[in-house]
Structure formats: C-alpha cells, structure tokens
Protein backbone atom coordinates (compact mmCIF):
# COMPACT_ATOMS: atom_id res chain seq x y z
CA MET A 1 -7.44 -33.90 19.23
CA ASP A 2 -5.89 -34.61 15.80
CA LEU A 3 -2.17 -34.20 15.13
CA ALA A 4 -2.52 -30.86 13.32
CA LYS A 5 -4.42 -29.35 16.26
CA GLN A 6 -1.89 -30.79 18.71
CA ASN A 7 0.92 -29.17 16.74
CA LEU A 8 -0.95 -25.88 16.57
CA ALA A 9 -1.55 -25.86 20.33
CA GLY A 10 2.08 -26.77 20.98
CA TYR A 11 3.44 -23.98 18.78
CA ARG A 12 1.13 -21.44 20.39
CA GLU A 13 2.25 -22.50 23.86
CA ARG A 14 5.98 -22.57 23.06
CA PHE A 15 6.50 -19.74 20.61
CA ALA A 16 3.60 -17.30 20.28
CA VAL A 17 4.34 -13.64 21.10
CA GLU A 18 1.29 -11.46 21.49
CA GLY A 19 0.95 -8.92 18.69
CA VAL A 20 4.06 -10.20 16.87
CA LEU A 21 4.00 -13.97 16.24
CA ALA A 22 0.81 -16.02 16.03
CA PHE A 23 0.00 -19.53 14.82
CA GLU A 24 -3.11 -20.32 12.82
CA GLN A 25 -4.62 -23.18 10.85
CA ALA A 26 -5.91 -23.03 7.27
CA PRO A 27 -9.24 -24.72 6.45
CA SER A 28 -7.24 -27.57 4.88
CA GLY A 29 -5.47 -28.20 8.18
CA LEU A 30 -2.11 -26.64 7.27
CA VAL A 31 -0.54 -24.78 10.20
CA PHE A 32 1.16 -21.45 9.55
CA ALA A 33 2.94 -18.70 11.44
CA ARG A 34 1.81 -15.11 11.02
CA VAL A 35 4.43 -12.44 11.71
CA THR A 36 3.34 -8.86 12.43
CA ALA A 37 6.61 -7.37 13.64
CA PRO A 38 7.41 -3.64 13.57
CA ALA A 39 9.88 -4.18 10.70
CA ALA A 40 7.85 -6.56 8.52
CA GLU A 41 4.83 -8.79 8.06
CA ALA A 42 5.14 -12.38 6.87
CA THR A 43 3.35 -15.71 6.57
CA VAL A 44 5.23 -19.01 6.90
CA TYR A 45 3.69 -22.47 6.46
CA LEU A 46 5.07 -25.44 8.42
CA GLN A 47 4.62 -27.61 5.34
CA GLY A 48 7.72 -26.97 3.30
CA ALA A 49 8.94 -24.31 5.79
CA HIS A 50 7.38 -22.19 3.07
CA LEU A 51 7.68 -18.42 3.34
CA ALA A 52 4.57 -17.38 1.43
CA GLU A 53 4.53 -13.64 2.11
CA TRP A 54 7.04 -10.98 3.18
CA LYS A 55 6.20 -7.29 3.34
CA PRO A 56 8.75 -4.95 4.94
CA ALA A 57 7.25 -1.98 6.76
CA GLY A 58 6.40 0.83 4.35
CA GLN A 59 6.82 -1.41 1.28
CA GLU A 60 4.55 -3.32 -1.07
CA PRO A 61 4.83 -7.15 -0.88
CA VAL A 62 8.20 -8.33 -2.18
CA LEU A 63 7.12 -11.88 -2.99
CA PHE A 64 4.62 -12.93 -5.64
CA LEU A 65 1.90 -15.29 -4.38
CA SER A 66 -0.61 -16.73 -6.82
CA ALA A 67 -4.25 -16.07 -5.95
CA ARG A 68 -4.93 -19.66 -7.02
CA SER A 69 -2.38 -21.30 -4.71
CA GLN A 70 -3.72 -24.50 -3.19
CA TYR A 71 -3.01 -24.62 0.53
CA VAL A 72 -3.51 -28.35 0.95
CA PRO A 73 -1.38 -31.15 2.39
CA GLY A 74 1.06 -32.60 -0.12
CA LYS A 75 0.71 -29.74 -2.63
CA ALA A 76 3.39 -27.06 -3.07
CA ILE A 77 2.32 -23.43 -2.74
CA ARG A 78 2.65 -21.37 -5.94
CA GLY A 79 4.74 -18.37 -4.98
CA GLY A 80 6.76 -17.10 -2.07
CA VAL A 81 9.95 -19.09 -1.42
CA PRO A 82 9.60 -22.85 -1.94
CA VAL A 83 12.56 -24.82 -0.55
CA ILE A 84 13.95 -27.18 -3.20
CA PHE A 85 15.83 -30.25 -1.89
CA PRO A 86 17.38 -32.78 -2.57
CA TRP A 87 17.03 -32.46 -6.34
CA PHE A 88 16.02 -29.68 -8.70
CA GLY A 89 13.39 -30.26 -11.38
CA PRO A 90 12.91 -33.90 -12.45
CA ARG A 91 15.04 -36.43 -10.61
CA HIS A 92 18.25 -37.01 -12.60
CA ASP A 93 19.28 -40.53 -11.58
CA GLY A 94 16.48 -42.41 -13.32
CA ARG A 95 14.65 -43.18 -10.08
CA ALA A 96 11.13 -42.03 -9.34
CA GLY A 97 10.54 -38.91 -7.28
CA PRO A 98 8.42 -35.76 -7.17
CA GLN A 99 9.35 -32.63 -9.12
CA HIS A 100 11.87 -30.52 -7.14
CA GLY A 101 12.29 -33.14 -4.42
CA PHE A 102 10.33 -33.83 -1.25
CA ALA A 103 11.28 -30.90 1.03
CA ARG A 104 8.70 -28.43 -0.27
CA THR A 105 5.81 -30.77 0.58
CA SER A 106 7.25 -32.29 3.77
CA MET A 107 6.23 -31.24 7.25
CA TRP A 108 9.13 -29.36 8.86
CA GLU A 109 9.51 -28.85 12.60
CA LEU A 110 9.75 -25.37 14.08
CA VAL A 111 12.43 -25.65 16.79
CA PHE A 112 13.19 -22.01 17.59
CA ALA A 113 11.35 -18.71 17.45
CA ALA A 114 12.34 -15.40 19.00
CA VAL A 115 11.82 -11.67 18.68
CA ALA A 116 14.99 -9.57 18.65
CA GLY A 117 14.49 -5.84 18.30
CA ASP A 118 12.05 -5.34 15.44
CA GLU A 119 12.86 -8.69 13.74
CA VAL A 120 11.53 -12.23 14.12
CA HIS A 121 13.86 -15.24 13.99
CA LEU A 122 12.57 -18.69 13.07
CA THR A 123 14.44 -22.00 12.70
CA PHE A 124 12.96 -25.09 11.05
CA THR A 125 14.45 -28.58 10.76
CA LEU A 126 13.89 -31.51 8.43
CA GLY A 127 15.21 -35.04 8.82
CA PRO A 128 14.61 -38.49 7.36
CA SER A 129 11.02 -39.70 7.11
CA GLU A 130 9.18 -42.64 5.58
CA VAL A 131 8.85 -40.59 2.38
CA SER A 132 12.53 -39.63 2.18
CA ARG A 133 13.72 -43.14 3.01
CA ALA A 134 11.53 -44.59 0.27
CA LEU A 135 13.27 -42.19 -2.11
CA GLY A 136 16.74 -43.21 -0.93
CA PHE A 137 17.54 -40.34 1.47
CA ASP A 138 18.14 -41.60 5.00
CA HIS A 139 21.25 -39.80 6.29
CA PHE A 140 20.67 -36.07 6.15
CA ARG A 141 19.64 -33.20 8.38
CA VAL A 142 18.51 -29.77 7.25
CA ALA A 143 18.26 -26.61 9.37
CA TYR A 144 16.61 -23.58 7.81
CA ARG A 145 16.84 -20.21 9.54
CA MET A 146 14.78 -17.15 8.65
CA THR A 147 15.30 -13.62 9.89
CA ILE A 148 12.22 -11.58 9.03
CA GLY A 149 12.59 -7.82 9.18
CA LYS A 150 13.37 -4.90 6.87
CA ARG A 151 15.79 -7.37 5.36
CA LEU A 152 15.03 -11.03 4.79
CA ARG A 153 17.83 -13.46 5.64
CA LEU A 154 17.49 -17.11 4.66
CA GLU A 155 20.09 -19.70 5.66
CA MET A 156 19.89 -23.38 4.77
CA MET A 157 22.37 -25.81 6.32
CA VAL A 158 22.53 -29.45 5.14
CA ALA A 159 24.47 -32.16 6.95
CA ASN A 160 25.44 -35.73 6.10
CA ASP A 161 24.76 -37.21 9.51
CA LEU A 162 26.65 -40.46 9.01
CA ASP A 163 29.50 -40.83 11.50
CA ALA A 164 32.72 -39.71 9.81
CA ALA A 165 34.73 -42.28 11.77
CA GLU A 166 32.56 -45.13 10.51
CA GLY A 167 32.61 -44.01 6.88
CA GLY A 168 29.70 -44.50 4.52
CA ALA A 169 28.24 -43.04 1.38
CA PRO A 170 28.48 -39.35 0.48
CA LEU A 171 25.31 -37.27 0.37
CA VAL A 172 24.83 -35.77 -3.10
CA PHE A 173 22.08 -33.18 -3.46
CA GLU A 174 20.80 -30.09 -5.22
CA GLU A 175 19.13 -27.19 -3.43
CA ALA A 176 17.43 -23.91 -4.26
CA LEU A 177 15.45 -21.11 -2.68
CA HIS A 178 12.89 -20.85 -5.49
CA THR A 179 12.12 -17.19 -4.84
CA TYR A 180 9.19 -15.63 -6.70
CA PHE A 181 9.73 -11.86 -6.74
CA ALA A 182 6.76 -9.56 -7.29
CA VAL A 183 7.18 -7.12 -10.19
CA SER A 184 4.79 -4.64 -11.78
CA ASP A 185 5.41 -6.03 -15.29
CA VAL A 186 8.01 -8.71 -16.00
CA GLU A 187 8.37 -7.48 -19.59
CA GLN A 188 9.64 -4.16 -18.23
CA ALA A 189 11.77 -5.47 -15.35
CA ASP A 190 15.57 -5.75 -15.57
CA LEU A 191 17.67 -8.35 -13.79
CA MET A 192 21.20 -7.12 -13.17
CA GLY A 193 24.31 -9.03 -12.14
CA LEU A 194 24.45 -11.90 -14.64
CA GLY A 195 26.06 -10.25 -17.66
CA GLY A 196 28.88 -12.31 -19.14
CA THR A 197 27.82 -15.46 -17.22
CA ALA A 198 27.48 -18.87 -18.86
CA TYR A 199 24.10 -20.54 -18.50
CA LEU A 200 22.17 -23.67 -19.44
CA ASP A 201 19.10 -22.79 -21.49
CA LYS A 202 16.57 -25.44 -20.51
CA GLN A 203 14.15 -24.07 -23.11
CA ASP A 204 16.71 -24.98 -25.76
CA GLY A 205 17.75 -28.50 -24.84
CA ALA A 206 19.99 -27.31 -21.96
CA ARG A 207 22.42 -25.79 -24.47
CA ARG A 208 25.26 -23.85 -22.89
CA LYS A 209 25.19 -20.14 -23.76
CA VAL A 210 26.70 -16.90 -22.47
CA GLN A 211 24.58 -14.00 -21.25
CA PRO A 212 25.46 -10.72 -23.03
CA GLU A 213 26.70 -7.91 -20.81
CA GLY A 214 24.05 -5.69 -19.28
CA ALA A 215 20.60 -6.44 -17.94
CA VAL A 216 18.60 -9.62 -18.47
CA ARG A 217 15.17 -8.69 -19.89
CA LEU A 218 12.75 -11.61 -20.30
CA THR A 219 10.81 -11.87 -23.57
CA GLY A 220 9.25 -15.33 -23.36
CA ILE A 221 9.29 -18.61 -21.47
CA THR A 222 12.54 -18.56 -19.50
CA ASP A 223 14.23 -21.44 -17.68
CA ARG A 224 17.95 -20.84 -17.23
CA VAL A 225 20.62 -22.05 -14.84
CA TYR A 226 23.41 -19.45 -14.60
CA LEU A 227 26.59 -21.33 -13.76
CA ASP A 228 29.49 -20.70 -11.41
CA THR A 229 28.26 -17.31 -10.25
CA VAL A 230 28.35 -15.81 -6.78
CA ALA A 231 27.16 -12.41 -7.99
CA THR A 232 24.60 -10.28 -6.21
CA CYS A 233 21.50 -9.95 -8.39
CA VAL A 234 19.27 -6.89 -8.57
CA VAL A 235 15.71 -6.80 -9.91
CA GLU A 236 15.08 -3.28 -11.17
CA ASP A 237 11.36 -2.59 -11.42
CA ALA A 238 10.75 0.88 -12.85
CA GLY A 239 6.98 0.45 -12.66
CA ALA A 240 7.15 -0.08 -8.91
CA ARG A 241 9.98 2.46 -8.52
CA ARG A 242 12.10 -0.01 -6.58
CA ARG A 243 14.95 -2.46 -6.86
CA ILE A 244 15.12 -5.80 -5.05
CA VAL A 245 18.66 -6.82 -4.08
CA VAL A 246 19.60 -10.49 -3.62
CA GLU A 247 23.01 -11.09 -2.02
CA LYS A 248 24.10 -14.68 -1.55
CA ASN A 249 26.90 -16.94 -0.44
CA GLY A 250 27.44 -20.68 -0.43
CA SER A 251 25.65 -20.71 -3.79
CA ARG A 252 27.30 -21.30 -7.18
CA GLU A 253 24.23 -20.99 -9.41
CA THR A 254 21.36 -18.58 -9.99
CA VAL A 255 18.21 -19.90 -11.64
CA VAL A 256 15.99 -17.51 -13.62
CA TRP A 257 12.48 -18.67 -14.48
CA ASN A 258 9.17 -17.41 -15.77
CA PRO A 259 6.50 -19.64 -17.37
CA TRP A 260 5.10 -16.87 -19.59
CA ALA A 261 1.52 -17.07 -20.80
CA GLU A 262 1.92 -20.42 -22.58
CA ASP A 263 3.09 -22.48 -19.61
CA ALA A 264 1.15 -20.50 -17.02
CA ALA A 265 -2.05 -21.51 -18.83
CA LYS A 266 -1.23 -25.16 -18.01
CA MET A 267 -0.96 -24.47 -14.26
CA ALA A 268 -4.14 -24.91 -12.27
CA ASP A 269 -2.67 -22.89 -9.39
CA MET A 270 -1.65 -19.83 -11.46
CA GLU A 271 -4.06 -17.06 -12.47
CA PRO A 272 -3.95 -16.22 -16.21
CA ASP A 273 -1.96 -12.99 -15.82
CA GLY A 274 0.13 -14.11 -12.85
CA TRP A 275 3.23 -14.68 -14.96
CA LYS A 276 3.34 -10.94 -15.77
CA ARG A 277 3.72 -10.07 -12.09
CA MET A 278 6.55 -12.41 -11.13
CA LEU A 279 10.21 -13.07 -11.80
CA CYS A 280 12.04 -15.98 -10.20
CA ALA A 281 15.71 -15.35 -9.39
CA GLU A 282 16.77 -18.31 -7.30
CA THR A 283 19.75 -18.82 -5.02
CA ALA A 284 20.86 -22.35 -5.86
CA ASN A 285 23.34 -25.20 -6.09
CA VAL A 286 22.05 -27.30 -8.99
CA GLU A 287 23.19 -29.05 -12.17
CA GLU A 288 26.99 -28.64 -12.32
CA GLY A 289 26.91 -27.11 -8.83
CA ALA A 290 25.34 -30.08 -7.02
CA VAL A 291 26.84 -30.51 -3.54
CA THR A 292 28.65 -33.63 -2.30
CA LEU A 293 29.10 -34.09 1.45
CA ARG A 294 31.19 -36.84 3.00
CA PRO A 295 29.98 -38.32 6.31
CA GLY A 296 30.04 -35.67 9.04
CA GLU A 297 30.32 -32.72 6.63
CA THR A 298 27.93 -29.77 6.36
CA HIS A 299 27.16 -27.14 3.75
CA THR A 300 25.45 -23.77 4.22
CA MET A 301 23.74 -21.61 1.59
CA ARG A 302 22.54 -18.09 2.43
CA ALA A 303 20.54 -15.34 0.77
CA GLU A 304 19.90 -11.83 2.03
CA ILE A 305 17.18 -9.76 0.34
CA TRP A 306 16.26 -6.12 0.71
CA VAL A 307 14.44 -3.34 -1.15
CA GLU A 308 15.79 0.04 -2.28
CA ALA A 309 14.00 2.99 -3.86
CA LEU A 310 14.62 3.43 -7.58
CA SER A 311 15.00 7.11 -8.38
C-alpha cells in the first residue's frame, strides 16, 4: 500500500463520521476531507490544508474555485483559501523559494477532527521538512484550526520552537489566508471597510497611497496591501443579493487582489472569465506587518466569515 493510501485509510479509521465527515482520494493521489454537516458543506485538501469549498446551508458557495484548478501534488489549487507562509509573493531576502512560500504545497497533518452540534472542527499542523529546511526554515510549528458551519472560523498559530532559555535566532515570517470570495460580477461588487486606509499599490511600483473614503470598487488589475488595519471588511454583492463579512484579529494587513482579464489569460489554471467571479480580500501579516517571534513565542491570526442577506 502506498503512502497516500495508508494516510487515507488512517484518516478514515481515526476521524470519519458517517454522513458528516468522509475522506476521499483524487485521481492524482491527493487526499481530501468532505464535510456534509447540517450547517455547511466543505472540501478540504490535506496538501496545503487547503479549504477549497465552503457552502453554508441555504446559501450559494461563498468561495470561488476555478474550474481549471489542477489537483496535483506540488501545485497550488486556484481558489478557496490557500495558506500563505512563510513569505508572501516572491521571497524578499534574495534567496530562492517558491511564490507565496512552501505551506500551500506542503503536506499538512490532520491531528484533530470532531463534530460539535451542527459544525465540524478540524485542526492541521505543519512542521519542518526537508523542503523547509532547504529553504532555511527549521524552527517553526504551525497549527491551523477550521470551524466549518454557518460561519467559517479560521485560526492560524505560528510558534518559534527554539527553547527560549537557550536563545537562538528569531523567526521572521509573513502569512496570509488568501481567500477567494465568489461574486456575481467583480465590476459591480463593493468592498467596504478600507476607506481612509494607506496601501501599497503593487501595480504601481509599490507606491504608498491612501484609499478614498467609501467603498473599494475594482476597475482593473488590482494588487494592494492595505496597511495597519484591523477593520472588518464586507463584500457587498448586489447581483447575488448578499454581503460577505470578514472579521479578523491578529492581522495588521488586508490584501486585495484580482488579476483581471489580462493576467488571468496568463494563468493555465484559470478559466477566461473566472476573474469576473472572484474578489480576494485576504487576512494577512505581510510587508510592513511581517511577524517576528523570539524563541518560545507564538502568534495567532484569526478570521471569521459569514453571509448576510442584502436587502
């Protein structure tokens, strides 16, 4: 029996709950959890601890998932909630490394799963591996907890696991929950909560600008890091007659991204009109908000997401 099948059998034996939590294997070999709880349906891949789908009961899917996503080992899934760690975008220190770090293509371990009421709770962990060590990351631990129900709660805790008494180097990292929200038409969707906030415009040489008061309405390729903000963001989607609320803590930045038609056309895993049906509003600590942990310290970032009717 190969390793993937051993893992699949082990997860089924330890965590499966009939009619609520099942474990399956994609043709490529990737193992995923399928949640069919009374409060919500969801799909979570063990690679990347990647929440690909979340659909609260009585709602349309809240997350955008590209129809051309490639569910293969070592390739990030296009859509859902990729976990970005330990750097955001290209690596900044001049050393080699994959875009957005190694966490989203690493195999995480599911260590806890339980049903409580009409919700499902999952906890994944990630520690040093041959890949991370080769990239210079040997003293970290990550725990990632999901609560899947009418509301989606995501909590990511990072630790510098060097012994504080023995000293050692700090752990410096960036992190983001790269959430792709599903919208009926991004050109008609409004993002509230960022008015008056300074941001880095990565489409304009990372120039520092200030967002005018009121809603953010995207009109072209958008790649912005909104700085020093703990604000709750709201995606108002008149076409879908709903608003998506994103409340966060432990996060100092919000990233807003859409590739628009020009950049989407360069992506093999994005359908031609996919950009119109997505808006990324990401809970993050990146750029000026990168986190530094001394030996023995931990940091936790949380996001809570829910849907409200738009009258």
